[in-house]
Amino acid sequence: MTNEAIHIEDLNIYYEGKALLKDITLDIPEKKIICVIGPSGCGKTIFLRSFNRFTDFNEGLVTRGKILFDGTNALDTSTDVIKLRTQVGMMLQKPYPLPMSIHDNVAYGPRLHGLKDKKKLESIVKESLTEAALWDEVKDRLHEPATKLSIGQQQRLSLARILAVKPRILLCDEPTSALDPVSSHKIEQQLLKLKKNYTILMSTHNIHQAKRLADYVIFLYLGSLIEHGPAKEIFRNPKEEATRAYIKGEYYEEYKVDKEIDVREYGTPSNFMKTMETIESMQIGQVLRIIVDTREALKDIPQGLETEGHKIIHRKKRGDKDWEIVVRKVE
């Protein structure tokens, strides 16, 4: 695996006793685009906000665990948060330009950190706007109010403002969700270029965008880390049923298997009779996993179960010759 930029260990975040993120442990590879995917409310935004302690602004949030950069725990109360936020910049869903000129928006961060040399400031402004693919559009209007820019330009200005303080890590919380397709494309193209020098963590609800950009994928569901790994592996062959369903845009029902039976040794219709005998012994709402080894059984058993009023949760290939059918007893 590539060198890690960040090590996360037992990350838990609670709000008024409710777990928003649960027991997350993983390594983030450096100088890659890492897409954090998952349905709304799964914890993508709070996950990103924990990296630069933006969670500190949420009263009532309790954060536990470690987020390590070069051995320093970002979550430790002794960590210099101002210094941390120069190293970990964040782009939000909606841009918020400062009420000042385009030039001063970009120069704001370096000035705040004590840079007064005018020549160096001018160089940083030009370099940052160029990295954000905005320089050619604004170089003749640098002293106009930033609020006059289009929303797509404002988002790229936000990116330039972050780059001006030379961070190591970019956090992008659904940075194109409020943009038109042309502006979204420009942001995407810049992120692909910037990964040569930065580690980029980006949350997105757009699977097609994740497929275009991601080198590495983190899938969150209901606050839990379900699966993570190289993007090609996750998108081609997800290990978890929840990941597969989300990527395909299918409904996923969380379940716990209460009983499993193997009917591979039975022929038709004995395999169905054995299945019915088992499910009749179970309680309503319980889940049964059935192992089969013929396509005929894969088709006929679910049809028979649905006729009897039970709910098929999924059918899935297990190996070269075997499949599983998962059903919930309804009646």
Protein backbone atom coordinates (compact mmCIF):
# COMPACT_ATOMS: atom_id res chain seq x y z
CA MET A 1 0.00 0.00 0.00
CA THR A 2 1.07 3.61 -0.58
CA ASN A 3 2.47 5.61 2.31
CA GLU A 4 -0.16 6.75 4.76
CA ALA A 5 -0.95 10.42 5.26
CA ILE A 6 -3.33 9.89 8.17
CA HIS A 7 -3.90 7.08 10.65
CA ILE A 8 -7.35 6.88 12.23
CA GLU A 9 -7.82 4.74 15.31
CA ASP A 10 -11.08 4.01 17.17
CA LEU A 11 -12.75 7.24 16.07
CA ASN A 12 -16.11 7.70 17.78
CA ILE A 13 -18.28 10.81 17.71
CA TYR A 14 -21.40 11.23 19.84
CA TYR A 15 -24.10 13.86 20.06
CA GLU A 16 -26.21 13.81 23.22
CA GLY A 17 -25.36 10.15 23.70
CA LYS A 18 -26.18 9.12 20.12
CA ALA A 19 -23.30 7.68 18.09
CA LEU A 20 -22.72 9.59 14.83
CA LEU A 21 -19.50 7.70 14.00
CA LYS A 22 -18.67 4.30 15.49
CA ASP A 23 -15.29 2.61 15.97
CA ILE A 24 -13.61 3.80 12.77
CA THR A 25 -10.04 2.62 12.22
CA LEU A 26 -8.16 2.90 8.92
CA ASP A 27 -5.17 4.46 7.16
CA ILE A 28 -5.55 7.24 4.58
CA PRO A 29 -3.04 7.00 1.68
CA GLU A 30 -1.12 10.15 0.81
CA LYS A 31 -1.33 12.15 -2.43
CA LYS A 32 -4.47 10.41 -3.61
CA ILE A 33 -8.11 11.40 -3.99
CA ILE A 34 -10.02 9.53 -1.30
CA CYS A 35 -13.79 9.64 -1.87
CA VAL A 36 -16.03 9.18 1.15
CA ILE A 37 -19.36 7.79 -0.05
CA GLY A 38 -22.61 6.76 1.58
CA PRO A 39 -26.27 7.80 1.84
CA SER A 40 -27.37 11.08 3.42
CA GLY A 41 -26.96 11.00 7.18
CA CYS A 42 -24.29 8.29 7.12
CA GLY A 43 -21.64 10.53 8.74
CA LYS A 44 -19.63 11.79 5.73
CA THR A 45 -19.58 15.46 6.76
CA ILE A 46 -18.88 14.91 10.45
CA PHE A 47 -16.11 12.49 9.45
CA LEU A 48 -14.38 15.16 7.36
CA ARG A 49 -14.95 17.90 9.94
CA SER A 50 -13.16 15.85 12.59
CA PHE A 51 -9.85 16.05 10.69
CA ASN A 52 -9.39 19.79 11.23
CA ARG A 53 -11.44 19.97 14.44
CA PHE A 54 -14.37 21.81 12.85
CA THR A 55 -16.34 19.54 15.17
CA ASP A 56 -15.25 21.93 17.95
CA PHE A 57 -17.86 24.39 16.65
CA ASN A 58 -20.70 21.94 17.32
CA GLU A 59 -21.79 22.25 20.92
CA GLY A 60 -22.70 18.91 22.43
CA LEU A 61 -20.44 16.80 20.21
CA VAL A 62 -18.09 14.42 22.01
CA THR A 63 -15.15 13.03 20.03
CA ARG A 64 -13.02 10.05 21.05
CA GLY A 65 -10.12 8.27 19.38
CA LYS A 66 -7.09 9.32 17.35
CA ILE A 67 -6.46 11.04 14.03
CA LEU A 68 -2.70 10.99 13.59
CA PHE A 69 -0.66 13.24 11.28
CA ASP A 70 3.07 12.53 11.59
CA GLY A 71 2.42 11.01 15.01
CA THR A 72 0.46 14.02 16.35
CA ASN A 73 -3.14 13.36 17.39
CA ALA A 74 -5.37 16.07 15.90
CA LEU A 75 -8.02 15.29 18.52
CA ASP A 76 -5.73 15.81 21.51
CA THR A 77 -6.70 18.87 23.55
CA SER A 78 -3.05 20.00 23.54
CA THR A 79 -2.92 20.17 19.71
CA ASP A 80 -2.50 23.67 18.26
CA VAL A 81 -5.80 23.96 16.33
CA ILE A 82 -4.73 27.07 14.37
CA LYS A 83 -1.63 25.30 13.11
CA LEU A 84 -3.69 22.18 12.38
CA ARG A 85 -6.07 24.15 10.16
CA THR A 86 -3.21 25.55 8.10
CA GLN A 87 -2.21 21.95 7.38
CA VAL A 88 -5.76 20.71 6.79
CA GLY A 89 -7.86 23.04 4.64
CA MET A 90 -11.58 22.59 4.02
CA MET A 91 -13.84 23.36 1.08
CA LEU A 92 -17.54 23.41 1.96
CA GLN A 93 -20.58 22.56 -0.16
CA LYS A 94 -21.43 26.23 -0.61
CA PRO A 95 -18.68 28.85 -1.06
CA TYR A 96 -18.56 31.74 1.40
CA PRO A 97 -16.31 34.49 -0.01
CA LEU A 98 -15.06 36.98 2.56
CA PRO A 99 -16.57 40.49 2.20
CA MET A 100 -13.46 41.89 0.53
CA SER A 101 -11.71 41.85 -2.84
CA ILE A 102 -10.73 38.72 -4.78
CA HIS A 103 -7.07 39.52 -4.05
CA ASP A 104 -7.63 40.01 -0.33
CA ASN A 105 -9.64 36.79 -0.04
CA VAL A 106 -6.58 34.83 -1.16
CA ALA A 107 -4.09 36.95 0.79
CA TYR A 108 -6.16 36.76 3.98
CA GLY A 109 -4.68 33.49 5.29
CA PRO A 110 -1.00 34.32 4.75
CA ARG A 111 -1.55 37.77 6.30
CA LEU A 112 -3.31 36.21 9.27
CA HIS A 113 -0.25 34.02 9.84
CA GLY A 114 2.08 37.01 9.83
CA LEU A 115 3.25 37.41 6.22
CA LYS A 116 3.67 41.11 5.43
CA ASP A 117 6.06 41.04 2.48
CA LYS A 118 4.00 42.51 -0.38
CA LYS A 119 6.02 40.83 -3.12
CA LYS A 120 5.63 37.41 -1.53
CA LEU A 121 1.92 38.01 -1.03
CA GLU A 122 1.46 38.90 -4.70
CA SER A 123 3.30 35.74 -5.69
CA ILE A 124 1.14 33.58 -3.41
CA VAL A 125 -2.08 35.16 -4.73
CA LYS A 126 -1.12 34.47 -8.35
CA GLU A 127 0.15 30.96 -7.63
CA SER A 128 -2.95 30.00 -5.62
CA LEU A 129 -5.41 31.39 -8.16
CA THR A 130 -3.52 29.56 -10.91
CA GLU A 131 -3.66 26.28 -8.97
CA ALA A 132 -7.41 26.81 -8.59
CA ALA A 133 -7.79 27.46 -12.37
CA LEU A 134 -9.09 30.99 -11.70
CA TRP A 135 -6.16 33.31 -12.46
CA ASP A 136 -6.92 33.83 -16.17
CA GLU A 137 -10.52 34.75 -15.38
CA VAL A 138 -9.80 37.29 -12.63
CA LYS A 139 -6.27 38.64 -13.15
CA ASP A 140 -7.65 41.96 -14.45
CA ARG A 141 -10.24 42.35 -11.68
CA LEU A 142 -8.36 41.30 -8.54
CA HIS A 143 -9.57 44.33 -6.59
CA GLU A 144 -13.25 43.82 -7.33
CA PRO A 145 -15.49 42.35 -4.58
CA ALA A 146 -15.33 38.57 -4.50
CA THR A 147 -19.12 38.50 -4.17
CA LYS A 148 -19.37 39.56 -7.83
CA LEU A 149 -17.97 36.22 -8.97
CA SER A 150 -20.28 33.46 -10.14
CA ILE A 151 -20.90 30.64 -7.65
CA GLY A 152 -18.57 28.35 -9.61
CA GLN A 153 -15.82 30.99 -9.51
CA GLN A 154 -16.49 31.57 -5.81
CA GLN A 155 -15.92 27.87 -5.15
CA ARG A 156 -12.61 27.98 -6.99
CA LEU A 157 -11.75 31.13 -5.03
CA SER A 158 -12.42 29.13 -1.85
CA LEU A 159 -9.96 26.54 -3.12
CA ALA A 160 -7.37 29.25 -3.85
CA ARG A 161 -7.84 30.69 -0.36
CA ILE A 162 -7.09 27.25 1.13
CA LEU A 163 -4.06 26.66 -1.11
CA ALA A 164 -2.58 30.04 -0.15
CA VAL A 165 -1.62 28.75 3.32
CA LYS A 166 0.14 25.67 1.87
CA PRO A 167 -1.80 22.84 3.51
CA ARG A 168 -0.86 19.17 3.20
CA ILE A 169 -4.42 17.88 3.17
CA LEU A 170 -7.55 19.16 1.41
CA LEU A 171 -10.99 18.31 2.78
CA CYS A 172 -13.76 18.76 0.21
CA ASP A 173 -17.29 18.32 1.53
CA GLU A 174 -19.42 17.72 -1.58
CA PRO A 175 -17.68 20.69 -3.24
CA THR A 176 -19.64 20.51 -6.51
CA SER A 177 -23.14 19.79 -5.18
CA ALA A 178 -24.27 23.42 -5.65
CA LEU A 179 -22.56 23.92 -9.02
CA ASP A 180 -23.59 23.59 -12.65
CA PRO A 181 -21.96 20.83 -14.77
CA VAL A 182 -19.36 23.14 -16.34
CA SER A 183 -18.20 24.52 -12.98
CA SER A 184 -18.23 21.02 -11.48
CA HIS A 185 -16.00 19.79 -14.29
CA LYS A 186 -13.48 22.58 -13.63
CA ILE A 187 -13.31 21.72 -9.93
CA GLU A 188 -12.89 18.02 -10.73
CA GLN A 189 -10.08 18.70 -13.21
CA GLN A 190 -8.21 20.81 -10.67
CA LEU A 191 -8.53 18.18 -7.96
CA LEU A 192 -7.05 15.59 -10.33
CA LYS A 193 -4.06 17.89 -10.87
CA LEU A 194 -3.70 18.83 -7.20
CA LYS A 195 -3.43 15.23 -5.96
CA LYS A 196 0.18 15.23 -7.18
CA ASN A 197 0.98 17.48 -4.22
CA TYR A 198 -1.92 17.05 -1.79
CA THR A 199 -3.88 14.33 -0.05
CA ILE A 200 -7.53 15.02 -0.91
CA LEU A 201 -10.47 13.67 1.11
CA MET A 202 -13.72 14.35 -0.69
CA SER A 203 -17.25 13.43 0.33
CA THR A 204 -19.71 12.94 -2.50
CA HIS A 205 -23.22 11.55 -2.94
CA ASN A 206 -22.53 11.18 -6.68
CA ILE A 207 -21.28 7.67 -7.49
CA HIS A 208 -20.36 8.67 -11.04
CA GLN A 209 -18.18 11.47 -9.67
CA ALA A 210 -16.51 9.07 -7.24
CA LYS A 211 -15.79 6.67 -10.11
CA ARG A 212 -14.23 9.50 -12.13
CA LEU A 213 -12.03 10.84 -9.36
CA ALA A 214 -11.34 8.31 -6.61
CA ASP A 215 -8.09 6.45 -6.11
CA TYR A 216 -9.37 5.13 -2.79
CA VAL A 217 -12.92 4.77 -1.43
CA ILE A 218 -14.37 4.86 2.08
CA PHE A 219 -17.99 3.68 2.40
CA LEU A 220 -19.89 4.79 5.50
CA TYR A 221 -23.34 3.56 6.47
CA LEU A 222 -25.27 4.67 9.56
CA GLY A 223 -22.06 5.96 11.14
CA SER A 224 -20.11 2.73 10.62
CA LEU A 225 -17.19 2.02 8.33
CA ILE A 226 -18.54 -0.73 6.08
CA GLU A 227 -15.72 -1.05 3.57
CA HIS A 228 -12.66 0.77 2.29
CA GLY A 229 -9.97 0.13 -0.28
CA PRO A 230 -8.62 1.00 -3.75
CA ALA A 231 -11.41 2.45 -5.89
CA LYS A 232 -11.08 -0.14 -8.67
CA GLU A 233 -11.55 -2.98 -6.19
CA ILE A 234 -14.49 -1.38 -4.41
CA PHE A 235 -16.38 -0.49 -7.58
CA ARG A 236 -15.68 -3.75 -9.43
CA ASN A 237 -16.02 -6.24 -6.61
CA PRO A 238 -17.34 -4.86 -3.30
CA LYS A 239 -17.04 -7.34 -0.47
CA GLU A 240 -20.07 -6.15 1.48
CA GLU A 241 -23.70 -6.38 0.40
CA ALA A 242 -24.43 -2.84 1.64
CA THR A 243 -21.63 -1.45 -0.54
CA ARG A 244 -22.81 -3.36 -3.60
CA ALA A 245 -26.39 -2.14 -3.15
CA TYR A 246 -25.34 1.50 -2.67
CA ILE A 247 -23.08 1.51 -5.73
CA LYS A 248 -25.85 -0.01 -7.86
CA GLY A 249 -28.45 2.38 -6.50
CA GLU A 250 -30.49 -0.42 -4.96
CA TYR A 251 -32.40 -0.43 -1.70
CA TYR A 252 -30.44 -2.06 1.09
CA GLU A 253 -32.11 -3.54 4.14
CA GLU A 254 -29.91 -4.09 7.17
CA TYR A 255 -30.43 -7.51 8.69
CA LYS A 256 -29.03 -10.13 11.05
CA VAL A 257 -29.21 -13.76 9.98
CA ASP A 258 -31.03 -15.83 12.62
CA LYS A 259 -30.69 -19.24 10.98
CA GLU A 260 -28.91 -20.82 8.01
CA ILE A 261 -29.69 -24.02 6.10
CA ASP A 262 -27.83 -25.81 3.31
CA VAL A 263 -30.18 -27.48 0.80
CA ARG A 264 -27.54 -28.37 -1.78
CA GLU A 265 -27.96 -32.10 -1.09
CA TYR A 266 -31.69 -31.96 -1.83
CA GLY A 267 -33.26 -32.02 -5.28
CA THR A 268 -36.44 -30.31 -6.44
CA PRO A 269 -38.96 -30.06 -4.74
CA SER A 270 -37.32 -31.44 -1.59
CA ASN A 271 -35.09 -28.35 -1.26
CA PHE A 272 -38.16 -26.09 -1.12
CA MET A 273 -39.96 -28.38 1.33
CA LYS A 274 -36.91 -28.34 3.62
CA THR A 275 -36.80 -24.51 3.37
CA MET A 276 -40.50 -24.19 4.26
CA GLU A 277 -40.14 -26.61 7.17
CA THR A 278 -37.31 -24.46 8.55
CA ILE A 279 -38.97 -21.08 8.08
CA GLU A 280 -42.23 -22.32 9.65
CA SER A 281 -40.27 -23.09 12.82
CA MET A 282 -38.98 -19.50 13.00
CA GLN A 283 -40.55 -16.38 14.50
CA ILE A 284 -42.08 -13.62 12.40
CA GLY A 285 -39.41 -11.05 11.48
CA GLN A 286 -36.51 -13.49 11.71
CA VAL A 287 -34.09 -13.94 8.80
CA LEU A 288 -33.10 -17.21 7.13
CA ARG A 289 -30.11 -17.77 4.84
CA ILE A 290 -30.49 -20.64 2.35
CA ILE A 291 -27.48 -22.12 0.50
CA VAL A 292 -28.22 -23.55 -2.97
CA ASP A 293 -26.09 -24.84 -5.84
CA THR A 294 -28.37 -24.74 -8.90
CA ARG A 295 -29.87 -21.87 -10.86
CA GLU A 296 -33.19 -23.71 -10.79
CA ALA A 297 -33.19 -23.56 -6.97
CA LEU A 298 -32.06 -19.93 -7.07
CA LYS A 299 -35.16 -19.11 -9.11
CA ASP A 300 -37.78 -21.51 -7.73
CA ILE A 301 -37.17 -21.24 -3.96
CA PRO A 302 -37.55 -17.42 -3.83
CA GLN A 303 -40.66 -17.60 -6.01
CA GLY A 304 -42.19 -20.18 -3.69
CA LEU A 305 -41.28 -18.17 -0.59
CA GLU A 306 -42.78 -14.97 -2.01
CA THR A 307 -45.96 -16.90 -2.90
CA GLU A 308 -46.15 -17.88 0.76
CA GLY A 309 -45.89 -14.17 1.70
CA HIS A 310 -42.27 -14.01 2.85
CA LYS A 311 -39.85 -11.23 1.84
CA ILE A 312 -36.71 -11.95 -0.17
CA ILE A 313 -33.93 -9.61 1.00
CA HIS A 314 -31.38 -10.69 -1.60
CA ARG A 315 -29.94 -13.43 -3.78
CA LYS A 316 -26.15 -13.47 -4.13
CA LYS A 317 -23.43 -15.65 -5.62
CA ARG A 318 -21.10 -17.09 -2.96
CA GLY A 319 -18.49 -19.03 -4.92
CA ASP A 320 -18.00 -20.74 -8.26
CA LYS A 321 -21.09 -22.96 -7.88
CA ASP A 322 -23.01 -21.78 -4.83
CA TRP A 323 -25.52 -19.02 -4.14
CA GLU A 324 -27.31 -17.73 -1.07
CA ILE A 325 -30.90 -16.61 -0.68
CA VAL A 326 -31.77 -14.44 2.31
CA VAL A 327 -35.43 -14.22 3.33
CA ARG A 328 -37.33 -12.57 6.16
CA LYS A 329 -40.32 -14.44 7.63
CA VAL A 330 -43.38 -12.24 7.29
CA GLU A 331 -46.32 -14.54 8.00
